[in-house]
Structures are given as C-alpha cells and as structure tokens.
Amino acid sequence: MPFMLTNASAAGAGAAVATSGSGAGAAAGTKASYRLDGTESTLTPHVGHKVEITGTMEERPGAASAGAASGSANASAATLKVDSVKMVSTTCP
C-alpha cells in the first residue's frame, strides 16, 4: 500500500511536519507531498494524523516535467525514505 505525506513543510534539519495519509518535507513555508518509503507497520497507525517524519529525500529524475505533463501530484512527488515517525496530533488541521 503506497503512503503519501501531504501538506508537508520543513521543520528543522531534515524533519517534515505534515498530515500522513494512505496513498509523501519542503522548503520553509511551502507545502508539498511526498511518497513515503517505509514499513507498513510503522506508517499505518499514523494515517490521518499530524506527524513529524525524519528521513532521507530522494528526488525522482525528471519529476518536474513528469508532474507538469501528467497533472498528477503523485507522479511528481519526491520519495522520503522514512527513518522515524512521531505523532504530533491525532487530528490534522
């Protein structure tokens, strides 16, 4: 099951704070989506929660042109290899 981190924003050194969802951090003040590369057992309990995720960003080659051509946010989303997940809130704004 693919997981996406949506409404993501940078929060310090490599941490992203955002809403996790079924189905992927970003420049300060910018909201973005990321594909999450992590274990299902780690990510599933946090679906729909506001979370802080630390990990490593992996840009997809040609992501900017692929997203513009397809119109799909998921097609252009960078991948975040998840190291850890911390729940910030059980609800998301």
PDB file of N, CA and C in Angstrom:
ATOM      1  N   MET A   1       0.840  -1.173   0.000  1.00  0.00           N
ATOM      2  CA  MET A   1       0.000   0.000   0.000  1.00  0.00           C
ATOM      3  C   MET A   1       0.887   1.238   0.000  1.00  0.00           C
ATOM      4  N   PRO A   2       0.756   2.108  -0.982  1.00  0.00           N
ATOM      5  CA  PRO A   2       1.599   3.312  -1.001  1.00  0.00           C
ATOM      6  C   PRO A   2       1.094   4.344   0.011  1.00  0.00           C
ATOM      7  N   PHE A   3       2.014   5.006   0.640  1.00  0.00           N
ATOM      8  CA  PHE A   3       1.680   6.059   1.593  1.00  0.00           C
ATOM      9  C   PHE A   3       2.195   7.383   1.061  1.00  0.00           C
ATOM     10  N   MET A   4       1.442   8.453   1.338  1.00  0.00           N
ATOM     11  CA  MET A   4       1.832   9.798   0.940  1.00  0.00           C
ATOM     12  C   MET A   4       1.833  10.688   2.173  1.00  0.00           C
ATOM     13  N   LEU A   5       2.780  11.592   2.237  1.00  0.00           N
ATOM     14  CA  LEU A   5       2.816  12.637   3.247  1.00  0.00           C
ATOM     15  C   LEU A   5       2.348  13.888   2.519  1.00  0.00           C
ATOM     16  N   THR A   6       1.256  14.489   2.968  1.00  0.00           N
ATOM     17  CA  THR A   6       0.705  15.654   2.289  1.00  0.00           C
ATOM     18  C   THR A   6       0.746  16.866   3.202  1.00  0.00           C
ATOM     19  N   ASN A   7       0.674  18.040   2.600  1.00  0.00           N
ATOM     20  CA  ASN A   7       0.706  19.293   3.366  1.00  0.00           C
ATOM     21  C   ASN A   7       2.004  19.404   4.147  1.00  0.00           C
ATOM     22  N   ALA A   8       3.085  18.902   3.592  1.00  0.00           N
ATOM     23  CA  ALA A   8       4.362  18.848   4.294  1.00  0.00           C
ATOM     24  C   ALA A   8       5.077  20.188   4.267  1.00  0.00           C
ATOM     25  N   SER A   9       5.785  20.478   5.348  1.00  0.00           N
ATOM     26  CA  SER A   9       6.649  21.655   5.410  1.00  0.00           C
ATOM     27  C   SER A   9       7.883  21.290   6.216  1.00  0.00           C
ATOM     28  N   ALA A  10       8.981  21.958   5.911  1.00  0.00           N
ATOM     29  CA  ALA A  10      10.241  21.666   6.600  1.00  0.00           C
ATOM     30  C   ALA A  10      10.151  22.107   8.046  1.00  0.00           C
ATOM     31  N   ALA A  11      10.738  21.317   8.920  1.00  0.00           N
ATOM     32  CA  ALA A  11      10.755  21.629  10.348  1.00  0.00           C
ATOM     33  C   ALA A  11      12.113  21.275  10.916  1.00  0.00           C
ATOM     34  N   GLY A  12      13.102  22.053  10.589  1.00  0.00           N
ATOM     35  CA  GLY A  12      14.431  21.781  11.109  1.00  0.00           C
ATOM     36  C   GLY A  12      15.251  20.964  10.136  1.00  0.00           C
ATOM     37  N   ALA A  13      16.262  20.332  10.660  1.00  0.00           N
ATOM     38  CA  ALA A  13      17.216  19.593   9.846  1.00  0.00           C
ATOM     39  C   ALA A  13      16.639  18.284   9.346  1.00  0.00           C
ATOM     40  N   GLY A  14      16.010  18.308   8.190  1.00  0.00           N
ATOM     41  CA  GLY A  14      15.532  17.085   7.567  1.00  0.00           C
ATOM     42  C   GLY A  14      14.222  16.547   8.089  1.00  0.00           C
ATOM     43  N   ALA A  15      13.569  17.246   9.017  1.00  0.00           N
ATOM     44  CA  ALA A  15      12.296  16.753   9.539  1.00  0.00           C
ATOM     45  C   ALA A  15      11.152  17.418   8.798  1.00  0.00           C
ATOM     46  N   ALA A  16      10.100  16.675   8.546  1.00  0.00           N
ATOM     47  CA  ALA A  16       8.915  17.225   7.900  1.00  0.00           C
ATOM     48  C   ALA A  16       7.735  17.060   8.836  1.00  0.00           C
ATOM     49  N   VAL A  17       6.945  18.094   8.972  1.00  0.00           N
ATOM     50  CA  VAL A  17       5.736  18.020   9.779  1.00  0.00           C
ATOM     51  C   VAL A  17       4.576  18.147   8.832  1.00  0.00           C
ATOM     52  N   ALA A  18       3.655  17.185   8.874  1.00  0.00           N
ATOM     53  CA  ALA A  18       2.549  17.203   7.927  1.00  0.00           C
ATOM     54  C   ALA A  18       1.498  16.190   8.314  1.00  0.00           C
ATOM     55  N   THR A  19       0.532  16.054   7.454  1.00  0.00           N
ATOM     56  CA  THR A  19      -0.529  15.079   7.636  1.00  0.00           C
ATOM     57  C   THR A  19      -0.177  13.836   6.863  1.00  0.00           C
ATOM     58  N   SER A  20      -0.264  12.685   7.501  1.00  0.00           N
ATOM     59  CA  SER A  20       0.006  11.456   6.779  1.00  0.00           C
ATOM     60  C   SER A  20      -1.291  10.917   6.237  1.00  0.00           C
ATOM     61  N   GLY A  21      -1.200  10.187   5.146  1.00  0.00           N
ATOM     62  CA  GLY A  21      -2.410   9.626   4.576  1.00  0.00           C
ATOM     63  C   GLY A  21      -2.110   8.387   3.786  1.00  0.00           C
ATOM     64  N   SER A  22      -3.147   7.611   3.518  1.00  0.00           N
ATOM     65  CA  SER A  22      -2.973   6.440   2.699  1.00  0.00           C
ATOM     66  C   SER A  22      -2.790   6.906   1.291  1.00  0.00           C
ATOM     67  N   GLY A  23      -2.151   6.323   0.788  1.00  0.00           N
ATOM     68  CA  GLY A  23      -1.820   6.741  -0.507  1.00  0.00           C
ATOM     69  C   GLY A  23      -0.400   7.323  -0.310  1.00  0.00           C
ATOM     70  N   ALA A  24       3.122  11.424   0.546  1.00  0.00           N
ATOM     71  CA  ALA A  24       4.542  11.616   0.768  1.00  0.00           C
ATOM     72  C   ALA A  24       4.889  12.792   1.469  1.00  0.00           C
ATOM     73  N   GLY A  25       9.042  16.736   2.958  1.00  0.00           N
ATOM     74  CA  GLY A  25       9.178  17.994   3.599  1.00  0.00           C
ATOM     75  C   GLY A  25       9.403  18.980   2.506  1.00  0.00           C
ATOM     76  N   ALA A  26       9.702  19.987   2.631  1.00  0.00           N
ATOM     77  CA  ALA A  26       9.594  21.032   1.636  1.00  0.00           C
ATOM     78  C   ALA A  26      10.345  22.248   2.093  1.00  0.00           C
ATOM     79  N   ALA A  27      10.535  23.214   1.200  1.00  0.00           N
ATOM     80  CA  ALA A  27      11.176  24.464   1.548  1.00  0.00           C
ATOM     81  C   ALA A  27      10.322  25.159   2.601  1.00  0.00           C
ATOM     82  N   ALA A  28      10.960  25.917   3.473  1.00  0.00           N
ATOM     83  CA  ALA A  28      10.227  26.588   4.543  1.00  0.00           C
ATOM     84  C   ALA A  28       9.073  27.394   3.980  1.00  0.00           C
ATOM     85  N   GLY A  29       7.889  27.205   4.548  1.00  0.00           N
ATOM     86  CA  GLY A  29       6.716  27.939   4.128  1.00  0.00           C
ATOM     87  C   GLY A  29       5.996  27.345   2.931  1.00  0.00           C
ATOM     88  N   THR A  30       6.564  26.324   2.306  1.00  0.00           N
ATOM     89  CA  THR A  30       5.960  25.699   1.143  1.00  0.00           C
ATOM     90  C   THR A  30       5.342  24.368   1.550  1.00  0.00           C
ATOM     91  N   LYS A  31       4.167  24.078   1.017  1.00  0.00           N
ATOM     92  CA  LYS A  31       3.511  22.800   1.304  1.00  0.00           C
ATOM     93  C   LYS A  31       3.763  21.870   0.123  1.00  0.00           C
ATOM     94  N   ALA A  32       4.055  20.618   0.399  1.00  0.00           N
ATOM     95  CA  ALA A  32       4.366  19.657  -0.647  1.00  0.00           C
ATOM     96  C   ALA A  32       3.858  18.276  -0.247  1.00  0.00           C
ATOM     97  N   SER A  33       3.945  17.344  -1.173  1.00  0.00           N
ATOM     98  CA  SER A  33       3.582  15.954  -0.928  1.00  0.00           C
ATOM     99  C   SER A  33       4.766  15.058  -1.244  1.00  0.00           C
ATOM    100  N   TYR A  34       4.870  13.978  -0.505  1.00  0.00           N
ATOM    101  CA  TYR A  34       5.974  13.046  -0.678  1.00  0.00           C
ATOM    102  C   TYR A  34       5.465  11.620  -0.614  1.00  0.00           C
ATOM    103  N   ARG A  35       6.041  10.775  -1.448  1.00  0.00           N
ATOM    104  CA  ARG A  35       5.815   9.337  -1.335  1.00  0.00           C
ATOM    105  C   ARG A  35       6.652   8.887  -0.147  1.00  0.00           C
ATOM    106  N   LEU A  36       6.093   8.005   0.663  1.00  0.00           N
ATOM    107  CA  LEU A  36       6.835   7.507   1.818  1.00  0.00           C
ATOM    108  C   LEU A  36       7.348   6.107   1.546  1.00  0.00           C
ATOM    109  N   ASP A  37       8.621   5.905   1.779  1.00  0.00           N
ATOM    110  CA  ASP A  37       9.252   4.605   1.645  1.00  0.00           C
ATOM    111  C   ASP A  37       9.591   4.134   3.057  1.00  0.00           C
ATOM    112  N   GLY A  38       8.675   3.348   3.623  1.00  0.00           N
ATOM    113  CA  GLY A  38       8.859   2.857   4.985  1.00  0.00           C
ATOM    114  C   GLY A  38       8.024   1.612   5.186  1.00  0.00           C
ATOM    115  N   THR A  39       8.136   1.022   6.350  1.00  0.00           N
ATOM    116  CA  THR A  39       7.380  -0.200   6.619  1.00  0.00           C
ATOM    117  C   THR A  39       5.917   0.128   6.901  1.00  0.00           C
ATOM    118  N   GLU A  40       5.045  -0.725   6.402  1.00  0.00           N
ATOM    119  CA  GLU A  40       3.613  -0.537   6.583  1.00  0.00           C
ATOM    120  C   GLU A  40       3.244  -0.521   8.067  1.00  0.00           C
ATOM    121  N   SER A  41       3.886  -1.362   8.859  1.00  0.00           N
ATOM    122  CA  SER A  41       3.565  -1.430  10.290  1.00  0.00           C
ATOM    123  C   SER A  41       3.947  -0.145  11.028  1.00  0.00           C
ATOM    124  N   THR A  42       4.902   0.603  10.501  1.00  0.00           N
ATOM    125  CA  THR A  42       5.292   1.875  11.101  1.00  0.00           C
ATOM    126  C   THR A  42       4.358   2.997  10.667  1.00  0.00           C
ATOM    127  N   LEU A  43       3.930   2.987   9.399  1.00  0.00           N
ATOM    128  CA  LEU A  43       3.142   4.084   8.841  1.00  0.00           C
ATOM    129  C   LEU A  43       1.635   3.961   9.067  1.00  0.00           C
ATOM    130  N   THR A  44       1.088   2.754   8.982  1.00  0.00           N
ATOM    131  CA  THR A  44      -0.362   2.545   9.087  1.00  0.00           C
ATOM    132  C   THR A  44      -0.989   3.151  10.351  1.00  0.00           C
ATOM    133  N   PRO A  45      -0.381   3.012  11.528  1.00  0.00           N
ATOM    134  CA  PRO A  45      -1.022   3.575  12.728  1.00  0.00           C
ATOM    135  C   PRO A  45      -1.183   5.096  12.696  1.00  0.00           C
ATOM    136  N   HIS A  46      -0.486   5.774  11.781  1.00  0.00           N
ATOM    137  CA  HIS A  46      -0.495   7.235  11.751  1.00  0.00           C
ATOM    138  C   HIS A  46      -1.295   7.828  10.590  1.00  0.00           C
ATOM    139  N   VAL A  47      -2.012   7.008   9.855  1.00  0.00           N
ATOM    140  CA  VAL A  47      -2.827   7.513   8.747  1.00  0.00           C
ATOM    141  C   VAL A  47      -3.849   8.499   9.315  1.00  0.00           C
ATOM    142  N   GLY A  48      -3.884   9.705   8.754  1.00  0.00           N
ATOM    143  CA  GLY A  48      -4.817  10.737   9.192  1.00  0.00           C
ATOM    144  C   GLY A  48      -4.319  11.568  10.361  1.00  0.00           C
ATOM    145  N   HIS A  49      -3.144  11.266  10.880  1.00  0.00           N
ATOM    146  CA  HIS A  49      -2.575  12.016  12.000  1.00  0.00           C
ATOM    147  C   HIS A  49      -1.643  13.100  11.492  1.00  0.00           C
ATOM    148  N   LYS A  50      -1.404  14.098  12.321  1.00  0.00           N
ATOM    149  CA  LYS A  50      -0.342  15.068  12.062  1.00  0.00           C
ATOM    150  C   LYS A  50       0.914  14.433  12.633  1.00  0.00           C
ATOM    151  N   VAL A  51       1.941  14.308  11.804  1.00  0.00           N
ATOM    152  CA  VAL A  51       3.149  13.600  12.213  1.00  0.00           C
ATOM    153  C   VAL A  51       4.412  14.400  11.904  1.00  0.00           C
ATOM    154  N   GLU A  52       5.481  14.008  12.571  1.00  0.00           N
ATOM    155  CA  GLU A  52       6.811  14.514  12.259  1.00  0.00           C
ATOM    156  C   GLU A  52       7.601  13.316  11.776  1.00  0.00           C
ATOM    157  N   ILE A  53       8.126  13.430  10.567  1.00  0.00           N
ATOM    158  CA  ILE A  53       8.863  12.317   9.979  1.00  0.00           C
ATOM    159  C   ILE A  53      10.286  12.757   9.696  1.00  0.00           C
ATOM    160  N   THR A  54      11.229  11.917  10.068  1.00  0.00           N
ATOM    161  CA  THR A  54      12.619  12.157   9.692  1.00  0.00           C
ATOM    162  C   THR A  54      13.028  11.077   8.709  1.00  0.00           C
ATOM    163  N   GLY A  55      13.844  11.470   7.758  1.00  0.00           N
ATOM    164  CA  GLY A  55      14.280  10.521   6.752  1.00  0.00           C
ATOM    165  C   GLY A  55      15.161  11.182   5.720  1.00  0.00           C
ATOM    166  N   THR A  56      15.332  10.505   4.604  1.00  0.00           N
ATOM    167  CA  THR A  56      16.202  10.962   3.532  1.00  0.00           C
ATOM    168  C   THR A  56      15.386  11.198   2.272  1.00  0.00           C
ATOM    169  N   MET A  57      15.556  12.376   1.664  1.00  0.00           N
ATOM    170  CA  MET A  57      14.839  12.720   0.435  1.00  0.00           C
ATOM    171  C   MET A  57      15.502  12.081  -0.774  1.00  0.00           C
ATOM    172  N   GLU A  58      14.684  11.585  -1.685  1.00  0.00           N
ATOM    173  CA  GLU A  58      15.176  11.035  -2.949  1.00  0.00           C
ATOM    174  C   GLU A  58      14.356  11.649  -4.069  1.00  0.00           C
ATOM    175  N   GLU A  59      14.933  12.581  -4.811  1.00  0.00           N
ATOM    176  CA  GLU A  59      14.235  13.201  -5.939  1.00  0.00           C
ATOM    177  C   GLU A  59      14.153  12.201  -7.080  1.00  0.00           C
ATOM    178  N   ARG A  60      12.999  12.187  -7.759  1.00  0.00           N
ATOM    179  CA  ARG A  60      12.841  11.332  -8.930  1.00  0.00           C
ATOM    180  C   ARG A  60      13.377  12.070 -10.148  1.00  0.00           C
ATOM    181  N   PRO A  61      14.160  11.411 -10.987  1.00  0.00           N
ATOM    182  CA  PRO A  61      14.673  12.057 -12.196  1.00  0.00           C
ATOM    183  C   PRO A  61      13.525  12.535 -13.077  1.00  0.00           C
ATOM    184  N   GLY A  62      13.579  13.790 -13.521  1.00  0.00           N
ATOM    185  CA  GLY A  62      12.558  14.336 -14.417  1.00  0.00           C
ATOM    186  C   GLY A  62      11.222  14.543 -13.740  1.00  0.00           C
ATOM    187  N   ALA A  63      11.196  14.645 -12.414  1.00  0.00           N
ATOM    188  CA  ALA A  63       9.928  14.764 -11.689  1.00  0.00           C
ATOM    189  C   ALA A  63       9.180  16.031 -12.061  1.00  0.00           C
ATOM    190  N   ALA A  64       9.869  17.139 -12.249  1.00  0.00           N
ATOM    191  CA  ALA A  64       9.189  18.399 -12.545  1.00  0.00           C
ATOM    192  C   ALA A  64       8.446  18.315 -13.873  1.00  0.00           C
ATOM    193  N   SER A  65       9.082  17.785 -14.905  1.00  0.00           N
ATOM    194  CA  SER A  65       8.414  17.709 -16.203  1.00  0.00           C
ATOM    195  C   SER A  65       7.337  16.639 -16.213  1.00  0.00           C
ATOM    196  N   ALA A  66       7.536  15.537 -15.493  1.00  0.00           N
ATOM    197  CA  ALA A  66       6.531  14.473 -15.448  1.00  0.00           C
ATOM    198  C   ALA A  66       5.259  14.955 -14.778  1.00  0.00           C
ATOM    199  N   GLY A  67       5.401  15.720 -13.687  1.00  0.00           N
ATOM    200  CA  GLY A  67       4.237  16.220 -12.972  1.00  0.00           C
ATOM    201  C   GLY A  67       3.475  17.225 -13.788  1.00  0.00           C
ATOM    202  N   ALA A  68       4.178  18.095 -14.500  1.00  0.00           N
ATOM    203  CA  ALA A  68       3.510  19.102 -15.314  1.00  0.00           C
ATOM    204  C   ALA A  68       2.780  18.450 -16.470  1.00  0.00           C
ATOM    205  N   ALA A  69       3.374  17.423 -17.042  1.00  0.00           N
ATOM    206  CA  ALA A  69       2.764  16.772 -18.196  1.00  0.00           C
ATOM    207  C   ALA A  69       1.542  15.949 -17.800  1.00  0.00           C
ATOM    208  N   SER A  70       1.612  15.266 -16.685  1.00  0.00           N
ATOM    209  CA  SER A  70       0.514  14.383 -16.298  1.00  0.00           C
ATOM    210  C   SER A  70      -0.546  15.070 -15.460  1.00  0.00           C
ATOM    211  N   GLY A  71      -0.170  16.159 -14.796  1.00  0.00           N
ATOM    212  CA  GLY A  71      -1.108  16.851 -13.936  1.00  0.00           C
ATOM    213  C   GLY A  71      -1.342  16.130 -12.626  1.00  0.00           C
ATOM    214  N   SER A  72      -0.559  15.110 -12.340  1.00  0.00           N
ATOM    215  CA  SER A  72      -0.742  14.326 -11.127  1.00  0.00           C
ATOM    216  C   SER A  72       0.305  14.706 -10.088  1.00  0.00           C
ATOM    217  N   ALA A  73      -0.142  15.057  -8.889  1.00  0.00           N
ATOM    218  CA  ALA A  73       0.786  15.390  -7.810  1.00  0.00           C
ATOM    219  C   ALA A  73       1.614  14.175  -7.428  1.00  0.00           C
ATOM    220  N   ASN A  74       1.014  12.987  -7.456  1.00  0.00           N
ATOM    221  CA  ASN A  74       1.733  11.778  -7.086  1.00  0.00           C
ATOM    222  C   ASN A  74       2.841  11.449  -8.080  1.00  0.00           C
ATOM    223  N   ALA A  75       2.639  11.769  -9.346  1.00  0.00           N
ATOM    224  CA  ALA A  75       3.638  11.467 -10.367  1.00  0.00           C
ATOM    225  C   ALA A  75       4.916  12.261 -10.132  1.00  0.00           C
ATOM    226  N   SER A  76       4.795  13.471  -9.582  1.00  0.00           N
ATOM    227  CA  SER A  76       5.974  14.308  -9.411  1.00  0.00           C
ATOM    228  C   SER A  76       6.481  14.328  -7.970  1.00  0.00           C
ATOM    229  N   ALA A  77       5.848  13.599  -7.090  1.00  0.00           N
ATOM    230  CA  ALA A  77       6.255  13.617  -5.689  1.00  0.00           C
ATOM    231  C   ALA A  77       7.609  12.959  -5.491  1.00  0.00           C
ATOM    232  N   ALA A  78       8.456  13.628  -4.712  1.00  0.00           N
ATOM    233  CA  ALA A  78       9.734  13.042  -4.335  1.00  0.00           C
ATOM    234  C   ALA A  78       9.457  11.934  -3.319  1.00  0.00           C
ATOM    235  N   THR A  79      10.420  11.055  -3.154  1.00  0.00           N
ATOM    236  CA  THR A  79      10.277   9.967  -2.191  1.00  0.00           C
ATOM    237  C   THR A  79      11.046  10.312  -0.926  1.00  0.00           C
ATOM    238  N   LEU A  80      10.427  10.043   0.215  1.00  0.00           N
ATOM    239  CA  LEU A  80      11.065  10.237   1.508  1.00  0.00           C
ATOM    240  C   LEU A  80      11.256   8.865   2.138  1.00  0.00           C
ATOM    241  N   LYS A  81      12.529   8.452   2.290  1.00  0.00           N
ATOM    242  CA  LYS A  81      12.832   7.186   2.969  1.00  0.00           C
ATOM    243  C   LYS A  81      12.693   7.448   4.460  1.00  0.00           C
ATOM    244  N   VAL A  82      11.733   6.804   5.087  1.00  0.00           N
ATOM    245  CA  VAL A  82      11.373   7.071   6.476  1.00  0.00           C
ATOM    246  C   VAL A  82      12.358   6.407   7.437  1.00  0.00           C
ATOM    247  N   ASP A  83      12.920   7.233   8.328  1.00  0.00           N
ATOM    248  CA  ASP A  83      13.754   6.724   9.411  1.00  0.00           C
ATOM    249  C   ASP A  83      12.928   6.594  10.689  1.00  0.00           C
ATOM    250  N   SER A  84      12.098   7.615  10.969  1.00  0.00           N
ATOM    251  CA  SER A  84      11.259   7.574  12.165  1.00  0.00           C
ATOM    252  C   SER A  84      10.000   8.406  11.968  1.00  0.00           C
ATOM    253  N   VAL A  85       8.958   8.050  12.715  1.00  0.00           N
ATOM    254  CA  VAL A  85       7.679   8.747  12.681  1.00  0.00           C
ATOM    255  C   VAL A  85       7.290   9.084  14.111  1.00  0.00           C
ATOM    256  N   LYS A  86       6.932  10.331  14.339  1.00  0.00           N
ATOM    257  CA  LYS A  86       6.476  10.773  15.667  1.00  0.00           C
ATOM    258  C   LYS A  86       5.124  11.435  15.495  1.00  0.00           C
ATOM    259  N   MET A  87       4.103  10.965  16.216  1.00  0.00           N
ATOM    260  CA  MET A  87       2.784  11.580  16.121  1.00  0.00           C
ATOM    261  C   MET A  87       2.808  12.911  16.875  1.00  0.00           C
ATOM    262  N   VAL A  88       2.312  13.957  16.190  1.00  0.00           N
ATOM    263  CA  VAL A  88       2.200  15.279  16.787  1.00  0.00           C
ATOM    264  C   VAL A  88       0.780  15.486  17.305  1.00  0.00           C
ATOM    265  N   SER A  89      -0.212  15.009  16.544  1.00  0.00           N
ATOM    266  CA  SER A  89      -1.614  15.147  16.921  1.00  0.00           C
ATOM    267  C   SER A  89      -2.418  14.039  16.260  1.00  0.00           C
ATOM    268  N   THR A  90      -3.493  13.603  16.907  1.00  0.00           N
ATOM    269  CA  THR A  90      -4.347  12.564  16.321  1.00  0.00           C
ATOM    270  C   THR A  90      -5.270  13.135  15.253  1.00  0.00           C
ATOM    271  N   THR A  91      -5.353  14.450  15.172  1.00  0.00           N
ATOM    272  CA  THR A  91      -6.163  15.087  14.123  1.00  0.00           C
ATOM    273  C   THR A  91      -5.290  16.003  13.303  1.00  0.00           C
ATOM    274  N   CYS A  92      -5.706  16.219  12.076  1.00  0.00           N
ATOM    275  CA  CYS A  92      -4.947  17.127  11.221  1.00  0.00           C
ATOM    276  C   CYS A  92      -5.820  18.342  10.907  1.00  0.00           C
ATOM    277  N   PRO A  93      -5.161  19.474  10.807  1.00  0.00           N
ATOM    278  CA  PRO A  93      -5.895  20.710  10.522  1.00  0.00           C
ATOM    279  C   PRO A  93      -6.489  20.740   9.148  1.00  0.00           C
TER     280      PRO A  93
END
